[in-house]
C-alpha atoms as a PDB file:
ATOM      1  CA  MET A   1      -7.565  34.944   4.745  1.00  0.00           C
ATOM      2  CA  VAL A   2      -7.387  31.157   4.154  1.00  0.00           C
ATOM      3  CA  GLY A   3      -4.574  29.435   6.417  1.00  0.00           C
ATOM      4  CA  HIS A   4      -4.228  26.236   5.038  1.00  0.00           C
ATOM      5  CA  LYS A   5      -5.115  24.503   1.562  1.00  0.00           C
ATOM      6  CA  ILE A   6      -5.469  20.391   2.068  1.00  0.00           C
ATOM      7  CA  LEU A   7      -5.838  18.132  -0.706  1.00  0.00           C
ATOM      8  CA  VAL A   8      -8.625  15.449   0.030  1.00  0.00           C
ATOM      9  CA  ILE A   9      -8.053  12.559  -2.356  1.00  0.00           C
ATOM     10  CA  ASP A  10     -10.790   9.889  -1.648  1.00  0.00           C
ATOM     11  CA  ASP A  11     -12.935   8.845  -4.541  1.00  0.00           C
ATOM     12  CA  SER A  12     -16.038   8.576  -1.776  1.00  0.00           C
ATOM     13  CA  ARG A  13     -17.627  12.516  -2.481  1.00  0.00           C
ATOM     14  CA  VAL A  14     -19.456  11.833   1.603  1.00  0.00           C
ATOM     15  CA  ILE A  15     -16.029  11.448   2.731  1.00  0.00           C
ATOM     16  CA  ARG A  16     -14.575  14.403   1.302  1.00  0.00           C
ATOM     17  CA  ALA A  17     -17.435  16.703   1.926  1.00  0.00           C
ATOM     18  CA  ARG A  18     -17.206  15.535   5.371  1.00  0.00           C
ATOM     19  CA  VAL A  19     -13.505  16.937   5.854  1.00  0.00           C
ATOM     20  CA  LYS A  20     -14.896  19.626   4.298  1.00  0.00           C
ATOM     21  CA  ASP A  21     -17.496  19.971   6.906  1.00  0.00           C
ATOM     22  CA  MET A  22     -15.485  19.374   9.678  1.00  0.00           C
ATOM     23  CA  LEU A  23     -12.865  21.805   9.351  1.00  0.00           C
ATOM     24  CA  PRO A  24     -13.091  25.095  10.898  1.00  0.00           C
ATOM     25  CA  LYS A  25     -14.142  27.491   8.844  1.00  0.00           C
ATOM     26  CA  GLY A  26     -12.252  30.172   7.053  1.00  0.00           C
ATOM     27  CA  ASN A  27      -9.111  28.386   8.151  1.00  0.00           C
ATOM     28  CA  PHE A  28      -8.640  26.398   5.180  1.00  0.00           C
ATOM     29  CA  GLU A  29      -9.294  26.018   1.409  1.00  0.00           C
ATOM     30  CA  VAL A  30     -10.225  22.421   0.634  1.00  0.00           C
ATOM     31  CA  VAL A  31      -9.519  20.998  -2.784  1.00  0.00           C
ATOM     32  CA  GLU A  32     -10.653  17.782  -3.832  1.00  0.00           C
ATOM     33  CA  ALA A  33      -9.350  14.862  -6.064  1.00  0.00           C
ATOM     34  CA  LYS A  34     -11.529  11.443  -6.650  1.00  0.00           C
ATOM     35  CA  ASP A  35      -9.242   9.225  -7.487  1.00  0.00           C
ATOM     36  CA  GLY A  36      -5.244   8.765  -7.324  1.00  0.00           C
ATOM     37  CA  GLU A  37      -4.327   9.884 -11.131  1.00  0.00           C
ATOM     38  CA  GLU A  38      -6.576  13.127  -9.780  1.00  0.00           C
ATOM     39  CA  GLY A  39      -5.012  13.257  -6.808  1.00  0.00           C
ATOM     40  CA  LEU A  40      -0.977  13.250  -7.929  1.00  0.00           C
ATOM     41  CA  ASN A  41      -2.119  16.318 -10.644  1.00  0.00           C
ATOM     42  CA  CYS A  42      -3.614  18.449  -7.827  1.00  0.00           C
ATOM     43  CA  ILE A  43      -0.171  17.750  -5.240  1.00  0.00           C
ATOM     44  CA  ARG A  44       1.855  19.332  -8.210  1.00  0.00           C
ATOM     45  CA  GLN A  45      -0.505  21.776  -9.373  1.00  0.00           C
ATOM     46  CA  GLU A  46      -1.991  22.885  -6.185  1.00  0.00           C
ATOM     47  CA  GLN A  47       1.213  22.618  -3.992  1.00  0.00           C
ATOM     48  CA  PRO A  48      -1.085  22.008  -0.837  1.00  0.00           C
ATOM     49  CA  ASN A  49       0.055  22.917   2.774  1.00  0.00           C
ATOM     50  CA  LEU A  50      -1.419  19.086   4.403  1.00  0.00           C
ATOM     51  CA  ILE A  51      -3.140  16.169   2.204  1.00  0.00           C
ATOM     52  CA  MET A  52      -5.506  13.733   3.403  1.00  0.00           C
ATOM     53  CA  LEU A  53      -4.912  10.457   1.044  1.00  0.00           C
ATOM     54  CA  ASP A  54      -7.536   7.248   1.018  1.00  0.00           C
ATOM     55  CA  PHE A  55      -5.516   4.141   0.820  1.00  0.00           C
ATOM     56  CA  LEU A  56      -7.783   2.488  -1.911  1.00  0.00           C
ATOM     57  CA  LEU A  57      -7.983   4.403  -4.586  1.00  0.00           C
ATOM     58  CA  PRO A  58      -9.494   3.660  -9.010  1.00  0.00           C
ATOM     59  CA  LYS A  59      -6.887   4.545 -11.599  1.00  0.00           C
ATOM     60  CA  VAL A  60      -3.713   5.273  -9.742  1.00  0.00           C
ATOM     61  CA  SER A  61      -3.890   3.095  -6.027  1.00  0.00           C
ATOM     62  CA  GLY A  62      -3.231   5.574  -2.901  1.00  0.00           C
ATOM     63  CA  PHE A  63      -0.483   3.102  -2.081  1.00  0.00           C
ATOM     64  CA  GLU A  64       1.087   4.049  -5.395  1.00  0.00           C
ATOM     65  CA  VAL A  65       0.445   8.034  -4.507  1.00  0.00           C
ATOM     66  CA  PHE A  66       2.085   7.585  -1.211  1.00  0.00           C
ATOM     67  CA  GLN A  67       4.899   5.682  -2.910  1.00  0.00           C
ATOM     68  CA  GLN A  68       5.580   8.868  -5.164  1.00  0.00           C
ATOM     69  CA  ILE A  69       5.314  11.125  -2.840  1.00  0.00           C
ATOM     70  CA  GLN A  70       7.600   9.544  -0.861  1.00  0.00           C
ATOM     71  CA  ASN A  71      10.179   9.370  -3.517  1.00  0.00           C
ATOM     72  CA  ASP A  72       9.736  12.762  -4.070  1.00  0.00           C
ATOM     73  CA  GLY A  73      12.367  14.838  -1.762  1.00  0.00           C
ATOM     74  CA  HIS A  74       9.828  17.764  -2.037  1.00  0.00           C
ATOM     75  CA  LEU A  75       6.657  16.265  -1.893  1.00  0.00           C
ATOM     76  CA  ARG A  76       7.462  14.081   0.708  1.00  0.00           C
ATOM     77  CA  LYS A  77       7.778  17.050   3.043  1.00  0.00           C
ATOM     78  CA  ILE A  78       4.688  17.909   2.722  1.00  0.00           C
ATOM     79  CA  PRO A  79       2.516  16.808   5.772  1.00  0.00           C
ATOM     80  CA  LEU A  80       0.143  13.133   4.946  1.00  0.00           C
ATOM     81  CA  VAL A  81      -2.679  12.158   6.471  1.00  0.00           C
ATOM     82  CA  LEU A  82      -3.353   8.043   5.239  1.00  0.00           C
ATOM     83  CA  MET A  83      -7.042   7.371   5.285  1.00  0.00           C
ATOM     84  CA  SER A  84      -8.647   3.803   4.832  1.00  0.00           C
ATOM     85  CA  GLY A  85     -11.524   1.651   6.995  1.00  0.00           C
ATOM     86  CA  ARG A  86      -9.289  -0.652   7.940  1.00  0.00           C
ATOM     87  CA  LYS A  87      -5.973   0.286   9.340  1.00  0.00           C
ATOM     88  CA  GLU A  88      -4.324  -3.957   8.378  1.00  0.00           C
ATOM     89  CA  GLU A  89      -5.315  -2.689   4.490  1.00  0.00           C
ATOM     90  CA  VAL A  90      -2.387  -0.222   5.232  1.00  0.00           C
ATOM     91  CA  THR A  91      -0.029  -1.603   7.588  1.00  0.00           C
ATOM     92  CA  GLU A  92      -0.157  -5.303   5.087  1.00  0.00           C
ATOM     93  CA  LYS A  93       2.223  -2.649   3.185  1.00  0.00           C
ATOM     94  CA  ILE A  94       3.730  -0.159   5.084  1.00  0.00           C
ATOM     95  CA  LYS A  95       4.738  -1.091   8.657  1.00  0.00           C
ATOM     96  CA  GLU A  96       4.295   0.767  11.884  1.00  0.00           C
ATOM     97  CA  PRO A  97       5.331   2.994  13.227  1.00  0.00           C
ATOM     98  CA  PHE A  98       4.275   5.747  11.205  1.00  0.00           C
ATOM     99  CA  GLU A  99       7.008   8.128  11.707  1.00  0.00           C
ATOM    100  CA  PHE A 100       6.721  10.752   8.879  1.00  0.00           C
ATOM    101  CA  TRP A 101       3.141  10.775   8.884  1.00  0.00           C
ATOM    102  CA  GLU A 102      -0.523  10.032  10.211  1.00  0.00           C
ATOM    103  CA  PHE A 103      -3.111   7.287   9.836  1.00  0.00           C
ATOM    104  CA  ILE A 104      -6.722   8.108  10.569  1.00  0.00           C
ATOM    105  CA  GLU A 105      -9.580   5.014  10.280  1.00  0.00           C
ATOM    106  CA  LYS A 106     -12.883   5.631   8.670  1.00  0.00           C
ATOM    107  CA  PRO A 107     -15.106   6.573   9.778  1.00  0.00           C
ATOM    108  CA  PHE A 108     -14.031   9.237  12.091  1.00  0.00           C
ATOM    109  CA  GLU A 109     -15.247  12.515  14.140  1.00  0.00           C
ATOM    110  CA  GLN A 110     -14.547  15.780  13.973  1.00  0.00           C
ATOM    111  CA  LYS A 111     -11.603  15.719  16.964  1.00  0.00           C
ATOM    112  CA  GLN A 112      -9.977  12.948  15.351  1.00  0.00           C
ATOM    113  CA  LEU A 113      -9.812  14.342  12.169  1.00  0.00           C
ATOM    114  CA  VAL A 114      -8.203  17.715  13.879  1.00  0.00           C
ATOM    115  CA  ASN A 115      -5.789  15.377  15.596  1.00  0.00           C
ATOM    116  CA  ALA A 116      -4.723  13.629  12.581  1.00  0.00           C
ATOM    117  CA  ILE A 117      -3.459  16.923  10.854  1.00  0.00           C
ATOM    118  CA  LYS A 118      -2.061  18.367  13.986  1.00  0.00           C
ATOM    119  CA  SER A 119      -0.183  15.299  14.227  1.00  0.00           C
ATOM    120  CA  ALA A 120       0.570  14.997  10.252  1.00  0.00           C
ATOM    121  CA  MET A 121       1.868  18.361  10.921  1.00  0.00           C
ATOM    122  CA  ALA A 122       4.149  17.662  13.905  1.00  0.00           C
ATOM    123  CA  LYS A 123       5.577  14.427  12.277  1.00  0.00           C
ATOM    124  CA  ALA A 124       6.384  16.242   9.041  1.00  0.00           C
ATOM    125  CA  LYS A 125       8.952  18.624  10.233  1.00  0.00           C
ATOM    126  CA  LYS A 126      11.233  15.563  11.598  1.00  0.00           C
ATOM    127  CA  THR A 127      14.247  15.199   9.798  1.00  0.00           C
ATOM    128  CA  ARG A 128      14.581  12.449   7.615  1.00  0.00           C
ATOM    129  CA  PRO A 129      17.643  10.232   6.343  1.00  0.00           C
ATOM    130  CA  PRO A 130      18.204  11.914   2.310  1.00  0.00           C
ATOM    131  CA  LEU A 131      17.092   9.920  -0.732  1.00  0.00           C
ATOM    132  CA  GLU A 132      19.191   7.984  -2.768  1.00  0.00           C
ATOM    133  CA  SER A 133      18.742  10.746  -5.291  1.00  0.00           C
ATOM    134  CA  GLU A 134      19.806  13.407  -2.985  1.00  0.00           C
ATOM    135  CA  GLY A 135      23.206  11.775  -2.366  1.00  0.00           C
ATOM    136  CA  ALA A 136      22.429   9.158   0.020  1.00  0.00           C
ATOM    137  CA  ALA A 137      25.295   6.479  -0.662  1.00  0.00           C
ATOM    138  CA  GLY A 138      24.819   2.466  -0.367  1.00  0.00           C
ATOM    139  CA  SER A 139      21.510   1.175  -0.102  1.00  0.00           C
ATOM    140  CA  PRO A 140      18.767   3.423   1.942  1.00  0.00           C
ATOM    141  CA  THR A 141      18.775   2.332   5.761  1.00  0.00           C
ATOM    142  CA  GLN A 142      15.299   4.445   7.215  1.00  0.00           C
ATOM    143  CA  THR A 143      12.792   3.000   9.424  1.00  0.00           C
ATOM    144  CA  PRO A 144      10.536   0.456   9.129  1.00  0.00           C
ATOM    145  CA  SER A 145       8.175   2.945   7.471  1.00  0.00           C
ATOM    146  CA  ASP A 146      10.369   4.711   5.556  1.00  0.00           C
ATOM    147  CA  GLY A 147      11.583   1.753   4.158  1.00  0.00           C
ATOM    148  CA  ALA A 148       8.428   0.528   3.289  1.00  0.00           C
ATOM    149  CA  ALA A 149       8.176   4.013   1.260  1.00  0.00           C
ATOM    150  CA  SER A 150      11.665   3.684  -0.426  1.00  0.00           C
ATOM    151  CA  SER A 151      10.966   0.530  -1.545  1.00  0.00           C
ATOM    152  CA  GLY A 152       8.105   1.054  -3.297  1.00  0.00           C
ATOM    153  CA  ALA A 153       6.120  -1.160  -5.223  1.00  0.00           C
ATOM    154  CA  SER A 154       9.170  -3.588  -5.169  1.00  0.00           C
ATOM    155  CA  GLY A 155       7.666  -4.698  -1.863  1.00  0.00           C
ATOM    156  CA  ALA A 156       4.255  -5.079  -3.389  1.00  0.00           C
ATOM    157  CA  GLU A 157       5.913  -7.420  -6.045  1.00  0.00           C
ATOM    158  CA  ILE A 158       7.899  -9.578  -3.706  1.00  0.00           C
ATOM    159  CA  ALA A 159       4.921 -10.363  -1.739  1.00  0.00           C
ATOM    160  CA  ALA A 160       2.600 -11.319  -4.905  1.00  0.00           C
ATOM    161  CA  LEU A 161       5.430 -13.947  -5.890  1.00  0.00           C
ATOM    162  CA  LYS A 162       5.940 -14.890  -2.366  1.00  0.00           C
ATOM    163  CA  GLU A 163       1.769 -15.866  -2.461  1.00  0.00           C
ATOM    164  CA  GLN A 164       2.466 -17.406  -6.173  1.00  0.00           C
ATOM    165  CA  ILE A 165       5.084 -19.470  -4.967  1.00  0.00           C
ATOM    166  CA  ALA A 166       3.059 -20.548  -1.850  1.00  0.00           C
ATOM    167  CA  LYS A 167       0.386 -21.540  -4.614  1.00  0.00           C
ATOM    168  CA  MET A 168       2.661 -23.372  -6.821  1.00  0.00           C
ATOM    169  CA  GLN A 169       4.305 -25.556  -3.814  1.00  0.00           C
ATOM    170  CA  ALA A 170       0.733 -26.414  -3.171  1.00  0.00           C
ATOM    171  CA  GLU A 171       0.295 -27.665  -6.299  1.00  0.00           C
ATOM    172  CA  ILE A 172       3.259 -29.617  -6.386  1.00  0.00           C
ATOM    173  CA  ASN A 173       2.168 -31.290  -3.072  1.00  0.00           C
ATOM    174  CA  ALA A 174      -1.123 -32.347  -4.271  1.00  0.00           C
ATOM    175  CA  LEU A 175       0.656 -33.737  -7.874  1.00  0.00           C
ATOM    176  CA  LYS A 176       3.030 -35.759  -5.723  1.00  0.00           C
ATOM    177  CA  LYS A 177       0.453 -37.072  -3.905  1.00  0.00           C
ATOM    178  CA  GLN A 178      -1.516 -38.212  -6.764  1.00  0.00           C
ATOM    179  CA  VAL A 179       1.759 -39.632  -8.629  1.00  0.00           C
ATOM    180  CA  ALA A 180       2.346 -41.852  -5.497  1.00  0.00           C
ATOM    181  CA  GLN A 181      -1.055 -43.114  -5.825  1.00  0.00           C
ATOM    182  CA  ILE A 182      -0.585 -43.829  -9.538  1.00  0.00           C
ATOM    183  CA  GLU A 183       2.902 -45.693  -8.463  1.00  0.00           C
ATOM    184  CA  PRO A 184       1.447 -48.918  -7.347  1.00  0.00           C
ATOM    185  CA  LEU A 185      -1.657 -48.974  -9.629  1.00  0.00           C
ATOM    186  CA  LYS A 186       1.808 -49.004 -12.709  1.00  0.00           C
ATOM    187  CA  GLN A 187       3.068 -51.632 -11.096  1.00  0.00           C
ATOM    188  CA  GLN A 188       0.027 -53.687 -11.029  1.00  0.00           C
ATOM    189  CA  VAL A 189      -0.266 -53.059 -14.428  1.00  0.00           C
ATOM    190  CA  VAL A 190       3.118 -53.931 -15.682  1.00  0.00           C
ATOM    191  CA  LYS A 191       2.250 -57.492 -13.433  1.00  0.00           C
ATOM    192  CA  ILE A 192      -0.462 -57.872 -15.434  1.00  0.00           C
ATOM    193  CA  PHE A 193       0.828 -57.251 -18.609  1.00  0.00           C
ATOM    194  CA  ASN A 194       4.015 -59.879 -17.625  1.00  0.00           C
ATOM    195  CA  PHE A 195       1.521 -62.583 -16.666  1.00  0.00           C
ATOM    196  CA  VAL A 196      -0.533 -62.275 -19.683  1.00  0.00           C
ATOM    197  CA  LYS A 197       2.678 -61.971 -21.533  1.00  0.00           C
ATOM    198  CA  GLN A 198       4.010 -65.569 -20.329  1.00  0.00           C
ATOM    199  CA  LYS A 199       0.527 -66.930 -20.830  1.00  0.00           C
ATOM    200  CA  VAL A 200       0.384 -65.911 -24.763  1.00  0.00           C
ATOM    201  CA  LYS A 201       3.831 -68.062 -24.915  1.00  0.00           C
END
């Protein structure tokens, strides 16, 4: 009898097959999704016991899927393992420590996978602060990792806006330098014009 249903959301067929091969036979049923959109549908339809989520996905990114999971009172109780080839891709958007889910860096070995699954299942049992929709008053005061999840796309948007502002500031500084170089030329042209004007008189 199958004990656990694991949903593997990854656009790499190799990774999906690797996870399936590494898990003990007979104890797990592996459901696969090749992009974020399909993954979200599978989460709701299949009701898995654990989710393995790649952070970079087509259609709907792994980060967006993560946000939707964390903002749903029922879905966020499902044990979650985030996957990425570079941990920095995850920590840029979700601050450590990962208190309520686990992370595993690709490529991984069987022992690492099994340990990550065990850790995710243990972390999922921890008591979390309620979501605002569940009756939390005022603004959320979660741990750094949970705060990053609940802030959702706004955090990513703020980061993008800051980057745009920095670029605009650099362009403004460059323009100021150009103006500073033009001003002496302008004064010189005015002098020449006044000199020519006097000569004409």
